[in-house]
PDB file of N, CA and C in Angstrom:
ATOM      1  N   MET A   1       4.493   9.105  16.284  1.00  0.00           N
ATOM      2  CA  MET A   1       5.827   9.620  16.091  1.00  0.00           C
ATOM      3  C   MET A   1       6.542   9.557  17.435  1.00  0.00           C
ATOM      4  N   ASN A   2       7.856   9.468  17.376  1.00  0.00           N
ATOM      5  CA  ASN A   2       8.725   9.391  18.588  1.00  0.00           C
ATOM      6  C   ASN A   2       8.420   8.138  19.487  1.00  0.00           C
ATOM      7  N   ALA A   3       8.093   7.012  18.796  1.00  0.00           N
ATOM      8  CA  ALA A   3       7.797   5.774  19.490  1.00  0.00           C
ATOM      9  C   ALA A   3       9.101   5.127  19.873  1.00  0.00           C
ATOM     10  N   LYS A   4       9.117   4.424  21.054  1.00  0.00           N
ATOM     11  CA  LYS A   4      10.294   3.673  21.418  1.00  0.00           C
ATOM     12  C   LYS A   4      10.121   2.232  20.916  1.00  0.00           C
ATOM     13  N   LYS A   5       8.903   1.708  20.825  1.00  0.00           N
ATOM     14  CA  LYS A   5       8.691   0.423  20.305  1.00  0.00           C
ATOM     15  C   LYS A   5       7.259   0.314  19.785  1.00  0.00           C
ATOM     16  N   PRO A   6       6.986  -0.405  18.798  1.00  0.00           N
ATOM     17  CA  PRO A   6       5.687  -0.502  18.220  1.00  0.00           C
ATOM     18  C   PRO A   6       4.702  -1.428  18.975  1.00  0.00           C
ATOM     19  N   LYS A   7       3.441  -1.315  18.643  1.00  0.00           N
ATOM     20  CA  LYS A   7       2.449  -2.312  19.149  1.00  0.00           C
ATOM     21  C   LYS A   7       2.567  -3.530  18.303  1.00  0.00           C
ATOM     22  N   LYS A   8       1.869  -4.576  18.711  1.00  0.00           N
ATOM     23  CA  LYS A   8       1.960  -5.874  18.005  1.00  0.00           C
ATOM     24  C   LYS A   8       1.608  -5.770  16.553  1.00  0.00           C
ATOM     25  N   ASP A   9       0.599  -5.059  16.201  1.00  0.00           N
ATOM     26  CA  ASP A   9       0.118  -5.093  14.810  1.00  0.00           C
ATOM     27  C   ASP A   9       0.401  -3.811  13.981  1.00  0.00           C
ATOM     28  N   GLU A  10       1.443  -3.109  14.298  1.00  0.00           N
ATOM     29  CA  GLU A  10       1.739  -1.923  13.568  1.00  0.00           C
ATOM     30  C   GLU A  10       3.129  -2.043  13.026  1.00  0.00           C
ATOM     31  N   ALA A  11       3.389  -1.288  11.892  1.00  0.00           N
ATOM     32  CA  ALA A  11       4.654  -1.184  11.288  1.00  0.00           C
ATOM     33  C   ALA A  11       5.529  -0.223  12.076  1.00  0.00           C
ATOM     34  N   TYR A  12       6.759  -0.357  12.027  1.00  0.00           N
ATOM     35  CA  TYR A  12       7.740   0.479  12.840  1.00  0.00           C
ATOM     36  C   TYR A  12       8.799   1.005  11.870  1.00  0.00           C
ATOM     37  N   ILE A  13       8.839   2.313  11.746  1.00  0.00           N
ATOM     38  CA  ILE A  13       9.845   2.963  10.910  1.00  0.00           C
ATOM     39  C   ILE A  13      10.983   3.402  11.810  1.00  0.00           C
ATOM     40  N   LEU A  14      12.206   3.013  11.414  1.00  0.00           N
ATOM     41  CA  LEU A  14      13.434   3.361  12.122  1.00  0.00           C
ATOM     42  C   LEU A  14      14.413   4.129  11.224  1.00  0.00           C
ATOM     43  N   LEU A  15      15.103   5.078  11.816  1.00  0.00           N
ATOM     44  CA  LEU A  15      16.064   5.853  10.979  1.00  0.00           C
ATOM     45  C   LEU A  15      17.105   5.035  10.335  1.00  0.00           C
ATOM     46  N   LYS A  16      17.775   4.122  11.195  1.00  0.00           N
ATOM     47  CA  LYS A  16      18.803   3.326  10.616  1.00  0.00           C
ATOM     48  C   LYS A  16      18.592   1.818  11.026  1.00  0.00           C
ATOM     49  N   GLN A  17      19.274   0.998  10.266  1.00  0.00           N
ATOM     50  CA  GLN A  17      19.139  -0.428  10.477  1.00  0.00           C
ATOM     51  C   GLN A  17      19.831  -0.865  11.795  1.00  0.00           C
ATOM     52  N   ASN A  18      19.257  -1.787  12.468  1.00  0.00           N
ATOM     53  CA  ASN A  18      19.830  -2.279  13.674  1.00  0.00           C
ATOM     54  C   ASN A  18      19.930  -3.851  13.577  1.00  0.00           C
ATOM     55  N   LYS A  19      20.316  -4.499  14.665  1.00  0.00           N
ATOM     56  CA  LYS A  19      20.515  -5.917  14.711  1.00  0.00           C
ATOM     57  C   LYS A  19      19.186  -6.607  14.568  1.00  0.00           C
ATOM     58  N   ASN A  20      18.122  -6.018  15.128  1.00  0.00           N
ATOM     59  CA  ASN A  20      16.817  -6.698  15.182  1.00  0.00           C
ATOM     60  C   ASN A  20      16.074  -6.486  13.908  1.00  0.00           C
ATOM     61  N   ARG A  21      16.237  -7.368  12.988  1.00  0.00           N
ATOM     62  CA  ARG A  21      15.560  -7.233  11.683  1.00  0.00           C
ATOM     63  C   ARG A  21      14.265  -8.014  11.698  1.00  0.00           C
ATOM     64  N   LEU A  22      13.190  -7.386  12.159  1.00  0.00           N
ATOM     65  CA  LEU A  22      11.911  -7.954  12.212  1.00  0.00           C
ATOM     66  C   LEU A  22      11.049  -7.581  10.970  1.00  0.00           C
ATOM     67  N   ALA A  23      10.117  -8.444  10.665  1.00  0.00           N
ATOM     68  CA  ALA A  23       9.271  -8.256   9.460  1.00  0.00           C
ATOM     69  C   ALA A  23       8.543  -6.931   9.493  1.00  0.00           C
ATOM     70  N   HIS A  24       8.130  -6.415  10.667  1.00  0.00           N
ATOM     71  CA  HIS A  24       7.337  -5.217  10.755  1.00  0.00           C
ATOM     72  C   HIS A  24       8.245  -3.915  10.857  1.00  0.00           C
ATOM     73  N   HIS A  25       9.524  -4.064  10.838  1.00  0.00           N
ATOM     74  CA  HIS A  25      10.488  -2.932  10.903  1.00  0.00           C
ATOM     75  C   HIS A  25      10.863  -2.515   9.516  1.00  0.00           C
ATOM     76  N   TYR A  26      10.843  -1.202   9.328  1.00  0.00           N
ATOM     77  CA  TYR A  26      11.206  -0.607   8.059  1.00  0.00           C
ATOM     78  C   TYR A  26      12.264   0.508   8.295  1.00  0.00           C
ATOM     79  N   TYR A  27      13.345   0.514   7.458  1.00  0.00           N
ATOM     80  CA  TYR A  27      14.441   1.398   7.713  1.00  0.00           C
ATOM     81  C   TYR A  27      14.505   2.474   6.588  1.00  0.00           C
ATOM     82  N   LEU A  28      14.713   3.706   7.078  1.00  0.00           N
ATOM     83  CA  LEU A  28      14.809   4.829   6.131  1.00  0.00           C
ATOM     84  C   LEU A  28      16.291   4.949   5.615  1.00  0.00           C
ATOM     85  N   SER A  29      17.237   4.455   6.310  1.00  0.00           N
ATOM     86  CA  SER A  29      18.669   4.623   5.914  1.00  0.00           C
ATOM     87  C   SER A  29      19.460   3.463   6.532  1.00  0.00           C
ATOM     88  N   LYS A  30      20.503   3.000   5.807  1.00  0.00           N
ATOM     89  CA  LYS A  30      21.342   1.861   6.388  1.00  0.00           C
ATOM     90  C   LYS A  30      22.168   2.396   7.444  1.00  0.00           C
ATOM     91  N   LEU A  31      22.692   3.711   7.402  1.00  0.00           N
ATOM     92  CA  LEU A  31      23.564   4.164   8.422  1.00  0.00           C
ATOM     93  C   LEU A  31      23.012   5.357   9.237  1.00  0.00           C
ATOM     94  N   GLY A  32      21.735   5.703   9.027  1.00  0.00           N
ATOM     95  CA  GLY A  32      21.152   6.846   9.768  1.00  0.00           C
ATOM     96  C   GLY A  32      21.333   8.147   9.179  1.00  0.00           C
ATOM     97  N   ASN A  33      21.680   8.211   7.872  1.00  0.00           N
ATOM     98  CA  ASN A  33      21.906   9.505   7.185  1.00  0.00           C
ATOM     99  C   ASN A  33      20.547  10.118   6.881  1.00  0.00           C
ATOM    100  N   LEU A  34      20.331  11.331   7.339  1.00  0.00           N
ATOM    101  CA  LEU A  34      19.103  12.034   7.123  1.00  0.00           C
ATOM    102  C   LEU A  34      18.759  12.347   5.701  1.00  0.00           C
ATOM    103  N   SER A  35      19.771  12.592   4.877  1.00  0.00           N
ATOM    104  CA  SER A  35      19.512  12.843   3.477  1.00  0.00           C
ATOM    105  C   SER A  35      18.960  11.583   2.792  1.00  0.00           C
ATOM    106  N   ASP A  36      19.511  10.475   3.097  1.00  0.00           N
ATOM    107  CA  ASP A  36      19.027   9.143   2.618  1.00  0.00           C
ATOM    108  C   ASP A  36      17.616   8.884   3.114  1.00  0.00           C
ATOM    109  N   ALA A  37      17.425   9.174   4.370  1.00  0.00           N
ATOM    110  CA  ALA A  37      16.134   8.929   4.950  1.00  0.00           C
ATOM    111  C   ALA A  37      15.064   9.753   4.278  1.00  0.00           C
ATOM    112  N   ALA A  38      15.355  10.976   3.955  1.00  0.00           N
ATOM    113  CA  ALA A  38      14.387  11.867   3.274  1.00  0.00           C
ATOM    114  C   ALA A  38      14.035  11.306   1.881  1.00  0.00           C
ATOM    115  N   LYS A  39      15.127  10.810   1.124  1.00  0.00           N
ATOM    116  CA  LYS A  39      14.891  10.182  -0.126  1.00  0.00           C
ATOM    117  C   LYS A  39      14.025   8.924  -0.088  1.00  0.00           C
ATOM    118  N   ASN A  40      14.174   8.169   0.948  1.00  0.00           N
ATOM    119  CA  ASN A  40      13.466   6.901   1.077  1.00  0.00           C
ATOM    120  C   ASN A  40      12.090   6.934   1.756  1.00  0.00           C
ATOM    121  N   LEU A  41      11.727   8.042   2.292  1.00  0.00           N
ATOM    122  CA  LEU A  41      10.550   8.146   3.130  1.00  0.00           C
ATOM    123  C   LEU A  41       9.279   7.684   2.412  1.00  0.00           C
ATOM    124  N   TYR A  42       8.966   8.234   1.217  1.00  0.00           N
ATOM    125  CA  TYR A  42       7.749   7.838   0.528  1.00  0.00           C
ATOM    126  C   TYR A  42       7.694   6.422   0.054  1.00  0.00           C
ATOM    127  N   THR A  43       8.887   6.001  -0.333  1.00  0.00           N
ATOM    128  CA  THR A  43       9.013   4.554  -0.728  1.00  0.00           C
ATOM    129  C   THR A  43       8.727   3.600   0.435  1.00  0.00           C
ATOM    130  N   CYS A  44       9.192   3.983   1.542  1.00  0.00           N
ATOM    131  CA  CYS A  44       8.954   3.224   2.761  1.00  0.00           C
ATOM    132  C   CYS A  44       7.492   3.210   3.185  1.00  0.00           C
ATOM    133  N   LEU A  45       6.824   4.400   3.094  1.00  0.00           N
ATOM    134  CA  LEU A  45       5.449   4.576   3.423  1.00  0.00           C
ATOM    135  C   LEU A  45       4.514   3.690   2.409  1.00  0.00           C
ATOM    136  N   ARG A  46       4.885   3.774   1.200  1.00  0.00           N
ATOM    137  CA  ARG A  46       4.171   2.915   0.135  1.00  0.00           C
ATOM    138  C   ARG A  46       4.240   1.443   0.446  1.00  0.00           C
ATOM    139  N   LYS A  47       5.455   0.970   0.757  1.00  0.00           N
ATOM    140  CA  LYS A  47       5.665  -0.456   1.175  1.00  0.00           C
ATOM    141  C   LYS A  47       4.739  -0.853   2.327  1.00  0.00           C
ATOM    142  N   ILE A  48       4.698  -0.006   3.347  1.00  0.00           N
ATOM    143  CA  ILE A  48       3.943  -0.239   4.518  1.00  0.00           C
ATOM    144  C   ILE A  48       2.448  -0.189   4.203  1.00  0.00           C
ATOM    145  N   LYS A  49       2.042   0.697   3.340  1.00  0.00           N
ATOM    146  CA  LYS A  49       0.607   0.705   2.941  1.00  0.00           C
ATOM    147  C   LYS A  49       0.304  -0.545   2.107  1.00  0.00           C
ATOM    148  N   ASN A  50       1.160  -0.998   1.193  1.00  0.00           N
ATOM    149  CA  ASN A  50       0.876  -2.134   0.411  1.00  0.00           C
ATOM    150  C   ASN A  50       0.877  -3.389   1.228  1.00  0.00           C
ATOM    151  N   LYS A  51       1.532  -3.452   2.371  1.00  0.00           N
ATOM    152  CA  LYS A  51       1.473  -4.641   3.214  1.00  0.00           C
ATOM    153  C   LYS A  51       0.197  -4.649   4.087  1.00  0.00           C
ATOM    154  N   GLY A  52      -0.580  -3.601   4.107  1.00  0.00           N
ATOM    155  CA  GLY A  52      -1.831  -3.569   4.705  1.00  0.00           C
ATOM    156  C   GLY A  52      -1.880  -3.169   6.207  1.00  0.00           C
ATOM    157  N   TYR A  53      -0.773  -2.539   6.666  1.00  0.00           N
ATOM    158  CA  TYR A  53      -0.701  -2.112   8.123  1.00  0.00           C
ATOM    159  C   TYR A  53      -1.738  -1.003   8.356  1.00  0.00           C
ATOM    160  N   LYS A  54      -2.466  -0.967   9.435  1.00  0.00           N
ATOM    161  CA  LYS A  54      -3.408   0.081   9.753  1.00  0.00           C
ATOM    162  C   LYS A  54      -2.711   1.217  10.469  1.00  0.00           C
ATOM    163  N   SER A  55      -1.623   0.999  11.182  1.00  0.00           N
ATOM    164  CA  SER A  55      -0.974   2.089  11.838  1.00  0.00           C
ATOM    165  C   SER A  55       0.547   1.906  11.832  1.00  0.00           C
ATOM    166  N   ILE A  56       1.175   3.019  12.069  1.00  0.00           N
ATOM    167  CA  ILE A  56       2.675   3.099  11.931  1.00  0.00           C
ATOM    168  C   ILE A  56       3.238   3.714  13.184  1.00  0.00           C
ATOM    169  N   ALA A  57       4.273   3.149  13.796  1.00  0.00           N
ATOM    170  CA  ALA A  57       5.039   3.794  14.853  1.00  0.00           C
ATOM    171  C   ALA A  57       6.333   4.327  14.191  1.00  0.00           C
ATOM    172  N   ILE A  58       6.779   5.456  14.695  1.00  0.00           N
ATOM    173  CA  ILE A  58       7.984   6.003  14.044  1.00  0.00           C
ATOM    174  C   ILE A  58       8.965   6.341  15.089  1.00  0.00           C
ATOM    175  N   GLN A  59      10.225   5.823  14.985  1.00  0.00           N
ATOM    176  CA  GLN A  59      11.295   6.212  15.876  1.00  0.00           C
ATOM    177  C   GLN A  59      11.565   7.673  15.876  1.00  0.00           C
ATOM    178  N   LYS A  60      11.977   8.253  16.969  1.00  0.00           N
ATOM    179  CA  LYS A  60      12.320   9.695  17.028  1.00  0.00           C
ATOM    180  C   LYS A  60      13.304  10.038  15.994  1.00  0.00           C
ATOM    181  N   ILE A  61      13.068  11.114  15.245  1.00  0.00           N
ATOM    182  CA  ILE A  61      14.011  11.681  14.320  1.00  0.00           C
ATOM    183  C   ILE A  61      14.308  13.077  14.751  1.00  0.00           C
ATOM    184  N   LYS A  62      15.659  13.323  14.894  1.00  0.00           N
ATOM    185  CA  LYS A  62      16.050  14.666  15.438  1.00  0.00           C
ATOM    186  C   LYS A  62      15.438  15.822  14.615  1.00  0.00           C
ATOM    187  N   ASN A  63      14.978  16.795  15.216  1.00  0.00           N
ATOM    188  CA  ASN A  63      14.303  17.869  14.571  1.00  0.00           C
ATOM    189  C   ASN A  63      15.337  18.976  14.130  1.00  0.00           C
ATOM    190  N   ILE A  64      16.395  18.611  13.496  1.00  0.00           N
ATOM    191  CA  ILE A  64      17.337  19.590  13.083  1.00  0.00           C
ATOM    192  C   ILE A  64      17.685  19.309  11.551  1.00  0.00           C
ATOM    193  N   GLY A  65      18.089  20.357  10.784  1.00  0.00           N
ATOM    194  CA  GLY A  65      18.353  20.256   9.391  1.00  0.00           C
ATOM    195  C   GLY A  65      17.159  19.587   8.670  1.00  0.00           C
ATOM    196  N   ILE A  66      17.523  18.602   7.831  1.00  0.00           N
ATOM    197  CA  ILE A  66      16.558  17.917   7.013  1.00  0.00           C
ATOM    198  C   ILE A  66      15.563  17.049   7.884  1.00  0.00           C
ATOM    199  N   GLY A  67      16.009  16.837   9.145  1.00  0.00           N
ATOM    200  CA  GLY A  67      15.144  16.130  10.025  1.00  0.00           C
ATOM    201  C   GLY A  67      13.828  16.826  10.254  1.00  0.00           C
ATOM    202  N   LYS A  68      13.904  18.195  10.258  1.00  0.00           N
ATOM    203  CA  LYS A  68      12.674  19.023  10.392  1.00  0.00           C
ATOM    204  C   LYS A  68      11.736  18.723   9.240  1.00  0.00           C
ATOM    205  N   THR A  69      12.254  18.645   8.108  1.00  0.00           N
ATOM    206  CA  THR A  69      11.434  18.393   6.902  1.00  0.00           C
ATOM    207  C   THR A  69      10.852  16.984   6.955  1.00  0.00           C
ATOM    208  N   ILE A  70      11.612  15.984   7.336  1.00  0.00           N
ATOM    209  CA  ILE A  70      11.070  14.621   7.477  1.00  0.00           C
ATOM    210  C   ILE A  70       9.960  14.669   8.476  1.00  0.00           C
ATOM    211  N   ASN A  71      10.151  15.179   9.665  1.00  0.00           N
ATOM    212  CA  ASN A  71       9.141  15.237  10.684  1.00  0.00           C
ATOM    213  C   ASN A  71       7.881  16.003  10.207  1.00  0.00           C
ATOM    214  N   ASP A  72       8.061  17.120   9.441  1.00  0.00           N
ATOM    215  CA  ASP A  72       6.922  17.798   8.896  1.00  0.00           C
ATOM    216  C   ASP A  72       6.118  16.907   7.929  1.00  0.00           C
ATOM    217  N   ARG A  73       6.818  16.105   7.056  1.00  0.00           N
ATOM    218  CA  ARG A  73       6.152  15.291   6.122  1.00  0.00           C
ATOM    219  C   ARG A  73       5.350  14.153   6.786  1.00  0.00           C
ATOM    220  N   LEU A  74       5.998  13.620   7.873  1.00  0.00           N
ATOM    221  CA  LEU A  74       5.341  12.601   8.663  1.00  0.00           C
ATOM    222  C   LEU A  74       4.132  13.092   9.300  1.00  0.00           C
ATOM    223  N   TYR A  75       4.292  14.307   9.892  1.00  0.00           N
ATOM    224  CA  TYR A  75       3.118  14.905  10.629  1.00  0.00           C
ATOM    225  C   TYR A  75       1.974  15.222   9.648  1.00  0.00           C
ATOM    226  N   ARG A  76       2.300  15.700   8.525  1.00  0.00           N
ATOM    227  CA  ARG A  76       1.220  15.977   7.459  1.00  0.00           C
ATOM    228  C   ARG A  76       0.553  14.684   7.021  1.00  0.00           C
ATOM    229  N   ALA A  77       1.324  13.608   6.846  1.00  0.00           N
ATOM    230  CA  ALA A  77       0.820  12.366   6.413  1.00  0.00           C
ATOM    231  C   ALA A  77      -0.073  11.786   7.467  1.00  0.00           C
ATOM    232  N   SER A  78       0.240  12.005   8.747  1.00  0.00           N
ATOM    233  CA  SER A  78      -0.501  11.403   9.750  1.00  0.00           C
ATOM    234  C   SER A  78      -1.931  12.130  10.004  1.00  0.00           C
ATOM    235  N   ASN A  79      -2.031  13.346   9.475  1.00  0.00           N
ATOM    236  CA  ASN A  79      -3.197  14.075   9.619  1.00  0.00           C
ATOM    237  C   ASN A  79      -4.099  14.158   8.392  1.00  0.00           C
ATOM    238  N   LYS A  80      -3.918  13.170   7.459  1.00  0.00           N
ATOM    239  CA  LYS A  80      -4.792  13.033   6.295  1.00  0.00           C
ATOM    240  C   LYS A  80      -5.908  12.167   6.535  1.00  0.00           C
TER     241      LYS A  80
END
């Protein structure tokens, strides 16, 4: 979590889309909306799992409002 950039062989989850659309980048929201990000989180994680990635880097998500919930879900998923 809170990664600035991913390693070579890992998926990278970003809050909003940017100009660099790389194959290993996955976006939770088009515009950075935290509500959209929360809705799309598990779909995104399933896509990454189905692609066979062994690890995931996650861009920093502000720990306010629903961002706290997203970070909590990511933390719990990383400790399974």
